[in-house]
Structures are given as C-alpha cells and as structure tokens.
N, C-alpha and C. Protein backbone atom coordinates (compact mmCIF):
# COMPACT_ATOMS: atom_id res chain seq x y z
N MET A 1 -127.48 -4.70 -102.07
CA MET A 1 -128.62 -5.41 -102.63
C MET A 1 -128.12 -6.74 -103.19
N ALA A 2 -128.85 -7.80 -102.94
CA ALA A 2 -128.45 -9.13 -103.39
C ALA A 2 -128.39 -9.17 -104.92
N THR A 3 -127.42 -9.93 -105.41
CA THR A 3 -127.21 -10.02 -106.85
C THR A 3 -128.43 -10.57 -107.57
N SER A 4 -129.10 -11.57 -107.02
CA SER A 4 -130.28 -12.14 -107.69
C SER A 4 -131.44 -11.15 -107.72
N ARG A 5 -131.59 -10.38 -106.64
CA ARG A 5 -132.65 -9.35 -106.63
C ARG A 5 -132.37 -8.28 -107.67
N LEU A 6 -131.12 -7.83 -107.73
CA LEU A 6 -130.74 -6.83 -108.72
C LEU A 6 -130.94 -7.36 -110.14
N ALA A 7 -130.61 -8.61 -110.36
CA ALA A 7 -130.82 -9.22 -111.68
C ALA A 7 -132.31 -9.26 -112.01
N SER A 8 -133.14 -9.56 -111.02
CA SER A 8 -134.60 -9.58 -111.24
C SER A 8 -135.12 -8.18 -111.57
N ILE A 9 -134.60 -7.18 -110.89
CA ILE A 9 -135.00 -5.80 -111.16
C ILE A 9 -134.64 -5.41 -112.59
N HIS A 10 -133.43 -5.71 -112.98
CA HIS A 10 -132.99 -5.37 -114.34
C HIS A 10 -133.79 -6.15 -115.39
N ALA A 11 -134.14 -7.39 -115.10
CA ALA A 11 -134.96 -8.18 -116.02
C ALA A 11 -136.35 -7.56 -116.16
N ALA A 12 -136.91 -7.07 -115.06
CA ALA A 12 -138.23 -6.43 -115.08
C ALA A 12 -138.17 -5.13 -115.90
N ILE A 13 -137.12 -4.35 -115.70
CA ILE A 13 -136.96 -3.11 -116.46
C ILE A 13 -136.82 -3.41 -117.95
N GLU A 14 -136.05 -4.42 -118.27
CA GLU A 14 -135.87 -4.82 -119.67
C GLU A 14 -137.20 -5.28 -120.28
N CYS A 15 -137.97 -6.01 -119.50
CA CYS A 15 -139.27 -6.47 -119.96
C CYS A 15 -140.20 -5.29 -120.22
N LEU A 16 -140.21 -4.32 -119.31
CA LEU A 16 -141.04 -3.13 -119.47
C LEU A 16 -140.62 -2.35 -120.71
N GLN A 17 -139.32 -2.23 -120.94
CA GLN A 17 -138.83 -1.52 -122.12
C GLN A 17 -139.25 -2.25 -123.39
N ARG A 18 -139.15 -3.55 -123.38
CA ARG A 18 -139.56 -4.34 -124.55
C ARG A 18 -141.06 -4.19 -124.81
N LEU A 19 -141.86 -4.24 -123.75
CA LEU A 19 -143.29 -4.06 -123.87
C LEU A 19 -143.61 -2.67 -124.43
N THR A 20 -142.94 -1.66 -123.93
CA THR A 20 -143.13 -0.30 -124.41
C THR A 20 -142.77 -0.19 -125.89
N ASP A 21 -141.66 -0.77 -126.27
CA ASP A 21 -141.22 -0.73 -127.68
C ASP A 21 -142.22 -1.43 -128.60
N VAL A 22 -142.70 -2.60 -128.18
CA VAL A 22 -143.66 -3.34 -129.00
C VAL A 22 -144.98 -2.57 -129.11
N PHE A 23 -145.42 -1.99 -128.02
CA PHE A 23 -146.65 -1.20 -128.03
C PHE A 23 -146.50 -0.02 -128.99
N GLN A 24 -145.37 0.66 -128.92
CA GLN A 24 -145.10 1.80 -129.81
C GLN A 24 -145.05 1.35 -131.26
N GLN A 25 -144.39 0.24 -131.51
CA GLN A 25 -144.30 -0.29 -132.87
C GLN A 25 -145.70 -0.61 -133.41
N ARG A 26 -146.54 -1.18 -132.56
CA ARG A 26 -147.90 -1.52 -132.99
C ARG A 26 -148.72 -0.26 -133.29
N ARG A 27 -148.56 0.78 -132.50
CA ARG A 27 -149.26 2.04 -132.77
C ARG A 27 -148.82 2.61 -134.12
N THR A 28 -147.52 2.56 -134.38
CA THR A 28 -147.00 3.04 -135.66
C THR A 28 -147.59 2.22 -136.81
N GLN A 29 -147.64 0.90 -136.65
CA GLN A 29 -148.21 0.03 -137.69
C GLN A 29 -149.67 0.36 -137.94
N LEU A 30 -150.43 0.55 -136.86
CA LEU A 30 -151.85 0.88 -137.02
C LEU A 30 -152.03 2.18 -137.80
N ALA A 31 -151.29 3.19 -137.44
CA ALA A 31 -151.40 4.48 -138.13
C ALA A 31 -151.01 4.33 -139.60
N GLN A 32 -149.90 3.67 -139.84
CA GLN A 32 -149.42 3.51 -141.22
C GLN A 32 -150.37 2.67 -142.06
N SER A 33 -151.08 1.74 -141.44
CA SER A 33 -151.99 0.87 -142.19
C SER A 33 -153.13 1.64 -142.84
N VAL A 34 -153.42 2.84 -142.32
CA VAL A 34 -154.47 3.68 -142.91
C VAL A 34 -153.88 4.96 -143.50
N GLY A 35 -152.56 4.99 -143.69
CA GLY A 35 -151.91 6.12 -144.35
C GLY A 35 -151.71 7.35 -143.49
N LEU A 36 -151.59 7.15 -142.18
CA LEU A 36 -151.42 8.28 -141.26
C LEU A 36 -150.13 8.13 -140.47
N THR A 37 -149.69 9.26 -139.91
CA THR A 37 -148.65 9.22 -138.88
C THR A 37 -149.37 9.06 -137.54
N GLU A 38 -148.63 8.73 -136.51
CA GLU A 38 -149.25 8.63 -135.18
C GLU A 38 -149.84 9.96 -134.73
N GLN A 39 -149.15 11.05 -135.05
CA GLN A 39 -149.63 12.37 -134.66
C GLN A 39 -150.94 12.69 -135.39
N GLN A 40 -151.01 12.35 -136.68
CA GLN A 40 -152.24 12.58 -137.43
C GLN A 40 -153.38 11.74 -136.86
N TRP A 41 -153.08 10.51 -136.50
CA TRP A 41 -154.09 9.63 -135.90
C TRP A 41 -154.61 10.24 -134.61
N ALA A 42 -153.70 10.73 -133.77
CA ALA A 42 -154.11 11.31 -132.48
C ALA A 42 -155.03 12.50 -132.69
N VAL A 43 -154.70 13.36 -133.64
CA VAL A 43 -155.54 14.52 -133.92
C VAL A 43 -156.88 14.07 -134.50
N LEU A 44 -156.85 13.13 -135.43
CA LEU A 44 -158.09 12.63 -136.03
C LEU A 44 -159.01 12.05 -134.96
N GLU A 45 -158.45 11.29 -134.02
CA GLU A 45 -159.24 10.74 -132.91
C GLU A 45 -159.90 11.86 -132.11
N GLN A 46 -159.14 12.90 -131.84
CA GLN A 46 -159.68 14.01 -131.05
C GLN A 46 -160.75 14.78 -131.82
N VAL A 47 -160.55 14.94 -133.12
CA VAL A 47 -161.56 15.62 -133.93
C VAL A 47 -162.85 14.82 -133.92
N SER A 48 -162.74 13.50 -133.82
CA SER A 48 -163.94 12.66 -133.82
C SER A 48 -164.78 12.86 -132.55
N SER A 49 -164.16 13.42 -131.50
CA SER A 49 -164.95 13.78 -130.32
C SER A 49 -165.62 15.12 -130.62
N GLU A 50 -166.68 15.42 -129.97
CA GLU A 50 -167.47 16.61 -130.31
C GLU A 50 -166.80 17.92 -129.96
N HIS A 51 -165.96 17.95 -128.98
CA HIS A 51 -165.46 19.22 -128.46
C HIS A 51 -163.96 19.39 -128.65
N PHE A 52 -163.49 19.16 -129.85
CA PHE A 52 -162.06 19.29 -130.13
C PHE A 52 -161.65 20.77 -130.15
N MET A 53 -160.61 21.06 -129.38
CA MET A 53 -160.05 22.42 -129.37
C MET A 53 -158.54 22.28 -129.59
N PRO A 54 -158.04 22.76 -130.73
CA PRO A 54 -156.62 22.60 -131.05
C PRO A 54 -155.68 23.09 -129.95
N SER A 55 -155.99 24.23 -129.35
CA SER A 55 -155.08 24.77 -128.33
C SER A 55 -155.01 23.86 -127.11
N MET A 56 -156.15 23.32 -126.69
CA MET A 56 -156.15 22.41 -125.54
C MET A 56 -155.43 21.10 -125.89
N PHE A 57 -155.63 20.63 -127.11
CA PHE A 57 -154.95 19.42 -127.56
C PHE A 57 -153.44 19.64 -127.54
N ALA A 58 -153.00 20.78 -128.06
CA ALA A 58 -151.56 21.09 -128.08
C ALA A 58 -150.99 21.10 -126.67
N ARG A 59 -151.71 21.74 -125.73
CA ARG A 59 -151.24 21.78 -124.33
C ARG A 59 -151.17 20.39 -123.73
N SER A 60 -152.19 19.58 -123.97
CA SER A 60 -152.22 18.24 -123.37
C SER A 60 -151.11 17.35 -123.91
N ARG A 61 -150.65 17.63 -125.11
CA ARG A 61 -149.58 16.84 -125.72
C ARG A 61 -148.22 17.52 -125.62
N GLU A 62 -148.20 18.65 -124.90
CA GLU A 62 -146.97 19.45 -124.78
C GLU A 62 -146.40 19.72 -126.17
N SER A 63 -147.26 20.16 -127.05
CA SER A 63 -146.91 20.47 -128.42
C SER A 63 -147.25 21.94 -128.67
N SER A 64 -146.78 22.46 -129.78
CA SER A 64 -147.09 23.85 -130.10
C SER A 64 -148.39 23.92 -130.90
N ALA A 65 -149.04 25.05 -130.80
CA ALA A 65 -150.26 25.27 -131.58
C ALA A 65 -149.94 25.19 -133.07
N ALA A 66 -148.76 25.67 -133.46
CA ALA A 66 -148.35 25.62 -134.87
C ALA A 66 -148.23 24.19 -135.37
N ALA A 67 -147.68 23.31 -134.52
CA ALA A 67 -147.54 21.90 -134.91
C ALA A 67 -148.90 21.25 -135.10
N VAL A 68 -149.83 21.55 -134.21
CA VAL A 68 -151.18 21.00 -134.33
C VAL A 68 -151.87 21.56 -135.56
N SER A 69 -151.69 22.85 -135.83
CA SER A 69 -152.27 23.47 -137.03
C SER A 69 -151.75 22.81 -138.29
N LYS A 70 -150.47 22.49 -138.30
CA LYS A 70 -149.87 21.81 -139.46
C LYS A 70 -150.53 20.45 -139.68
N ILE A 71 -150.72 19.71 -138.61
CA ILE A 71 -151.35 18.39 -138.72
C ILE A 71 -152.80 18.54 -139.19
N LEU A 72 -153.50 19.54 -138.68
CA LEU A 72 -154.87 19.77 -139.13
C LEU A 72 -154.91 20.06 -140.63
N ARG A 73 -153.97 20.87 -141.12
CA ARG A 73 -153.91 21.15 -142.56
C ARG A 73 -153.64 19.87 -143.35
N GLN A 74 -152.76 19.01 -142.83
CA GLN A 74 -152.48 17.75 -143.51
C GLN A 74 -153.74 16.89 -143.60
N LEU A 75 -154.52 16.86 -142.51
CA LEU A 75 -155.75 16.07 -142.50
C LEU A 75 -156.81 16.66 -143.43
N VAL A 76 -156.84 17.97 -143.53
CA VAL A 76 -157.74 18.62 -144.49
C VAL A 76 -157.31 18.25 -145.91
N ASP A 77 -155.99 18.32 -146.17
CA ASP A 77 -155.46 17.97 -147.50
C ASP A 77 -155.77 16.52 -147.87
N LYS A 78 -155.77 15.64 -146.88
CA LYS A 78 -156.09 14.22 -147.11
C LYS A 78 -157.60 13.98 -147.20
N GLN A 79 -158.35 15.06 -147.03
CA GLN A 79 -159.82 15.03 -147.07
C GLN A 79 -160.41 14.14 -145.97
N LEU A 80 -159.77 14.18 -144.80
CA LEU A 80 -160.25 13.40 -143.65
C LEU A 80 -161.04 14.26 -142.67
N ILE A 81 -160.80 15.57 -142.70
CA ILE A 81 -161.56 16.49 -141.85
C ILE A 81 -161.94 17.72 -142.67
N LEU A 82 -162.95 18.40 -142.17
CA LEU A 82 -163.37 19.69 -142.71
C LEU A 82 -163.14 20.74 -141.62
N ALA A 83 -162.70 21.91 -142.06
CA ALA A 83 -162.54 23.03 -141.13
C ALA A 83 -163.55 24.09 -141.54
N ARG A 84 -164.35 24.52 -140.58
CA ARG A 84 -165.37 25.54 -140.83
C ARG A 84 -165.22 26.66 -139.81
N VAL A 85 -165.60 27.84 -140.22
CA VAL A 85 -165.60 28.96 -139.29
C VAL A 85 -166.77 28.76 -138.34
N ASP A 86 -166.51 28.93 -137.05
CA ASP A 86 -167.53 28.76 -136.02
C ASP A 86 -168.59 29.85 -136.19
N ALA A 87 -169.84 29.43 -136.24
CA ALA A 87 -170.94 30.38 -136.44
C ALA A 87 -171.06 31.38 -135.28
N SER A 88 -170.73 30.95 -134.08
CA SER A 88 -170.89 31.84 -132.93
C SER A 88 -169.65 32.70 -132.66
N ASP A 89 -168.49 32.32 -133.22
CA ASP A 89 -167.26 33.08 -133.02
C ASP A 89 -166.39 32.91 -134.26
N ALA A 90 -166.39 33.88 -135.12
CA ALA A 90 -165.68 33.79 -136.41
C ALA A 90 -164.17 33.64 -136.25
N ARG A 91 -163.64 33.90 -135.06
CA ARG A 91 -162.21 33.71 -134.83
C ARG A 91 -161.85 32.25 -134.64
N GLN A 92 -162.85 31.42 -134.38
CA GLN A 92 -162.63 30.00 -134.10
C GLN A 92 -162.99 29.14 -135.31
N ARG A 93 -162.33 28.02 -135.40
CA ARG A 93 -162.68 27.04 -136.44
C ARG A 93 -163.26 25.81 -135.76
N ARG A 94 -164.20 25.20 -136.43
CA ARG A 94 -164.78 23.94 -135.97
C ARG A 94 -164.29 22.87 -136.93
N TYR A 95 -163.91 21.75 -136.38
CA TYR A 95 -163.40 20.65 -137.19
C TYR A 95 -164.34 19.46 -137.07
N GLU A 96 -164.54 18.79 -138.20
CA GLU A 96 -165.36 17.59 -138.18
C GLU A 96 -164.81 16.59 -139.18
N LEU A 97 -165.09 15.33 -138.90
CA LEU A 97 -164.63 14.28 -139.80
C LEU A 97 -165.45 14.26 -141.08
N THR A 98 -164.79 13.99 -142.18
CA THR A 98 -165.49 13.73 -143.43
C THR A 98 -165.91 12.26 -143.42
N PRO A 99 -166.73 11.83 -144.35
CA PRO A 99 -167.04 10.39 -144.42
C PRO A 99 -165.77 9.54 -144.54
N LYS A 100 -164.80 10.02 -145.31
CA LYS A 100 -163.52 9.30 -145.43
C LYS A 100 -162.80 9.24 -144.08
N GLY A 101 -162.84 10.34 -143.34
CA GLY A 101 -162.22 10.37 -142.01
C GLY A 101 -162.90 9.40 -141.06
N LYS A 102 -164.24 9.34 -141.12
CA LYS A 102 -164.99 8.39 -140.28
C LYS A 102 -164.62 6.96 -140.64
N ASP A 103 -164.45 6.69 -141.93
CA ASP A 103 -164.05 5.34 -142.36
C ASP A 103 -162.68 4.97 -141.81
N ILE A 104 -161.75 5.92 -141.81
CA ILE A 104 -160.40 5.68 -141.28
C ILE A 104 -160.46 5.37 -139.79
N ILE A 105 -161.22 6.16 -139.05
CA ILE A 105 -161.35 5.93 -137.61
C ILE A 105 -161.95 4.55 -137.36
N GLU A 106 -162.97 4.20 -138.10
CA GLU A 106 -163.60 2.88 -137.94
C GLU A 106 -162.63 1.76 -138.28
N ALA A 107 -161.83 1.93 -139.32
CA ALA A 107 -160.85 0.91 -139.70
C ALA A 107 -159.83 0.70 -138.59
N ILE A 108 -159.37 1.79 -138.00
CA ILE A 108 -158.41 1.67 -136.89
C ILE A 108 -159.07 0.98 -135.70
N ARG A 109 -160.27 1.36 -135.38
CA ARG A 109 -160.97 0.74 -134.24
C ARG A 109 -161.19 -0.76 -134.46
N ARG A 110 -161.52 -1.13 -135.69
CA ARG A 110 -161.69 -2.57 -135.99
C ARG A 110 -160.37 -3.32 -135.82
N GLN A 111 -159.29 -2.72 -136.32
CA GLN A 111 -157.98 -3.36 -136.18
C GLN A 111 -157.57 -3.49 -134.72
N ARG A 112 -157.83 -2.46 -133.94
CA ARG A 112 -157.51 -2.50 -132.50
C ARG A 112 -158.33 -3.59 -131.81
N GLU A 113 -159.59 -3.69 -132.16
CA GLU A 113 -160.48 -4.70 -131.57
C GLU A 113 -159.98 -6.10 -131.90
N LEU A 114 -159.55 -6.32 -133.14
CA LEU A 114 -158.99 -7.62 -133.52
C LEU A 114 -157.72 -7.93 -132.72
N ALA A 115 -156.87 -6.93 -132.54
CA ALA A 115 -155.65 -7.12 -131.77
C ALA A 115 -155.97 -7.45 -130.32
N ILE A 116 -156.94 -6.77 -129.75
CA ILE A 116 -157.34 -7.04 -128.36
C ILE A 116 -157.84 -8.47 -128.23
N LYS A 117 -158.69 -8.88 -129.16
CA LYS A 117 -159.20 -10.25 -129.12
C LYS A 117 -158.08 -11.26 -129.26
N SER A 118 -157.16 -11.00 -130.16
CA SER A 118 -156.08 -11.93 -130.43
C SER A 118 -155.08 -12.02 -129.27
N VAL A 119 -154.75 -10.89 -128.67
CA VAL A 119 -153.69 -10.85 -127.67
C VAL A 119 -154.21 -10.97 -126.24
N TRP A 120 -155.27 -10.25 -125.91
CA TRP A 120 -155.68 -10.11 -124.52
C TRP A 120 -156.75 -11.09 -124.05
N THR A 121 -157.66 -11.50 -124.91
CA THR A 121 -158.82 -12.27 -124.43
C THR A 121 -158.47 -13.67 -123.93
N ASN A 122 -157.34 -14.21 -124.34
CA ASN A 122 -156.95 -15.55 -123.86
C ASN A 122 -156.25 -15.51 -122.51
N LEU A 123 -155.98 -14.31 -122.02
CA LEU A 123 -155.37 -14.20 -120.70
C LEU A 123 -156.45 -14.36 -119.63
N GLY A 124 -156.08 -15.01 -118.55
CA GLY A 124 -157.03 -15.22 -117.46
C GLY A 124 -157.31 -13.94 -116.70
N VAL A 125 -158.46 -13.90 -116.05
CA VAL A 125 -158.85 -12.73 -115.27
C VAL A 125 -157.82 -12.45 -114.18
N SER A 126 -157.32 -13.49 -113.53
CA SER A 126 -156.34 -13.26 -112.46
C SER A 126 -155.04 -12.69 -113.04
N GLU A 127 -154.64 -13.13 -114.23
CA GLU A 127 -153.45 -12.57 -114.87
C GLU A 127 -153.66 -11.09 -115.20
N LEU A 128 -154.81 -10.79 -115.76
CA LEU A 128 -155.12 -9.40 -116.11
C LEU A 128 -155.17 -8.51 -114.87
N ASN A 129 -155.80 -9.01 -113.82
CA ASN A 129 -155.87 -8.23 -112.58
C ASN A 129 -154.49 -8.02 -111.97
N ALA A 130 -153.68 -9.08 -111.95
CA ALA A 130 -152.33 -8.96 -111.40
C ALA A 130 -151.51 -7.96 -112.22
N PHE A 131 -151.62 -8.03 -113.54
CA PHE A 131 -150.90 -7.10 -114.41
C PHE A 131 -151.35 -5.66 -114.16
N THR A 132 -152.64 -5.46 -114.10
CA THR A 132 -153.19 -4.12 -113.87
C THR A 132 -152.76 -3.58 -112.51
N ASN A 133 -152.88 -4.38 -111.48
CA ASN A 133 -152.48 -3.94 -110.14
C ASN A 133 -151.00 -3.59 -110.08
N PHE A 134 -150.18 -4.45 -110.67
CA PHE A 134 -148.75 -4.17 -110.69
C PHE A 134 -148.46 -2.90 -111.49
N GLY A 135 -149.08 -2.79 -112.66
CA GLY A 135 -148.87 -1.61 -113.51
C GLY A 135 -149.26 -0.32 -112.82
N LEU A 136 -150.38 -0.34 -112.10
CA LEU A 136 -150.82 0.85 -111.37
C LEU A 136 -149.85 1.22 -110.26
N ARG A 137 -149.40 0.21 -109.51
CA ARG A 137 -148.44 0.47 -108.44
C ARG A 137 -147.12 1.02 -108.99
N LEU A 138 -146.64 0.41 -110.07
CA LEU A 138 -145.39 0.86 -110.67
C LEU A 138 -145.53 2.28 -111.22
N THR A 139 -146.65 2.56 -111.86
CA THR A 139 -146.90 3.90 -112.40
C THR A 139 -146.90 4.93 -111.27
N GLN A 140 -147.59 4.61 -110.19
CA GLN A 140 -147.64 5.54 -109.06
C GLN A 140 -146.24 5.78 -108.48
N ARG A 141 -145.45 4.73 -108.36
CA ARG A 141 -144.10 4.87 -107.82
C ARG A 141 -143.23 5.72 -108.74
N LEU A 142 -143.37 5.49 -110.06
CA LEU A 142 -142.58 6.27 -111.03
C LEU A 142 -143.01 7.74 -111.03
N GLU A 143 -144.31 7.98 -110.94
CA GLU A 143 -144.80 9.37 -110.89
C GLU A 143 -144.31 10.07 -109.63
N THR A 144 -144.36 9.39 -108.50
CA THR A 144 -143.89 9.96 -107.24
C THR A 144 -142.40 10.26 -107.32
N TYR A 145 -141.64 9.33 -107.86
CA TYR A 145 -140.21 9.54 -108.00
C TYR A 145 -139.91 10.72 -108.94
N ALA A 146 -140.65 10.82 -110.03
CA ALA A 146 -140.45 11.92 -110.98
C ALA A 146 -140.74 13.26 -110.33
N LEU A 147 -141.79 13.33 -109.50
CA LEU A 147 -142.12 14.57 -108.80
C LEU A 147 -141.01 14.97 -107.84
N LYS A 148 -140.52 13.99 -107.09
CA LYS A 148 -139.44 14.28 -106.14
C LYS A 148 -138.17 14.73 -106.86
N SER A 149 -137.91 14.11 -108.02
CA SER A 149 -136.69 14.43 -108.77
C SER A 149 -136.74 15.82 -109.39
N SER A 150 -137.96 16.32 -109.65
CA SER A 150 -138.08 17.63 -110.30
C SER A 150 -138.08 18.77 -109.30
N GLU A 151 -138.11 18.47 -108.03
CA GLU A 151 -138.14 19.51 -107.00
C GLU A 151 -136.78 20.07 -106.72
C-alpha cells in the first residue's frame, strides 16, 4: 500500500477517534450539567418514553438488570422518577418522571438544541450529506468486518 494512502487512512482513523472522544466528552458534560451520570441520563430518557421496561433496557445496553435497578433507585432518590406497582400485574413496576425529572429532560434537550444550532446549522447541506453518506458506508463496513471477525 502506498505510503501516502496509508498516511491518509491513519489520519482518517485519528480524526474519527478524536470525533468520538469529543462526542463522548460532550455527553458527559451534558449529563453532569444537570447532576446526572450518563447512565442515569440514559435511563431517565427511557423512562420519559411511555413503555419503559427495565429488563429490555438492560438487554439493549448489554447491562445487568441489577445495574439498571441500581440506577432506577438513584433516580428515585434524586426525586426524578416515581416507581409504582403496576395495577394490572403487581410483580411489575411502572416508572414515570416527576415534575423535577421532566424539567431535567427539558433542560438537556434545550442544551442539545443549542449545541446543534451552534455546531451543525452552519454546515452546508452538501457537507452534511457527504458526512452522512460516508458515515453510513463506514459503519456498514465496520459492522460487516466485526461480523466476519466474530465467526
């Protein structure tokens, strides 16, 4: 492989890593700005949807039910969610946001919206489309490679 091509590949990988790191750092900042961890934020977001099921959430995040239960208890302690026994099945709990929890979700959404306006809206449509197309192709290639590697 030509040296310049290899250098370009490594530069692209480095760029992707930097983008990933900055994105992760921003998620951490957003969560911390409202007094949450990223995991607490993720659970709170899911509770804000109507059909939150802790076991399904744990599976989708490759986490344990115990870990999700711990986070739910933390959110109850912070008075961001309420846990109630399900009227139709007493073995199940229903979770809902408290007014304080709704305020936290809204604060995060406002901050995200401001970040989107500040960072993304000045990019041209062709830049956004090129980025999206490249990102989708790269994601597909990485997923295909990961599947082949796990066989």
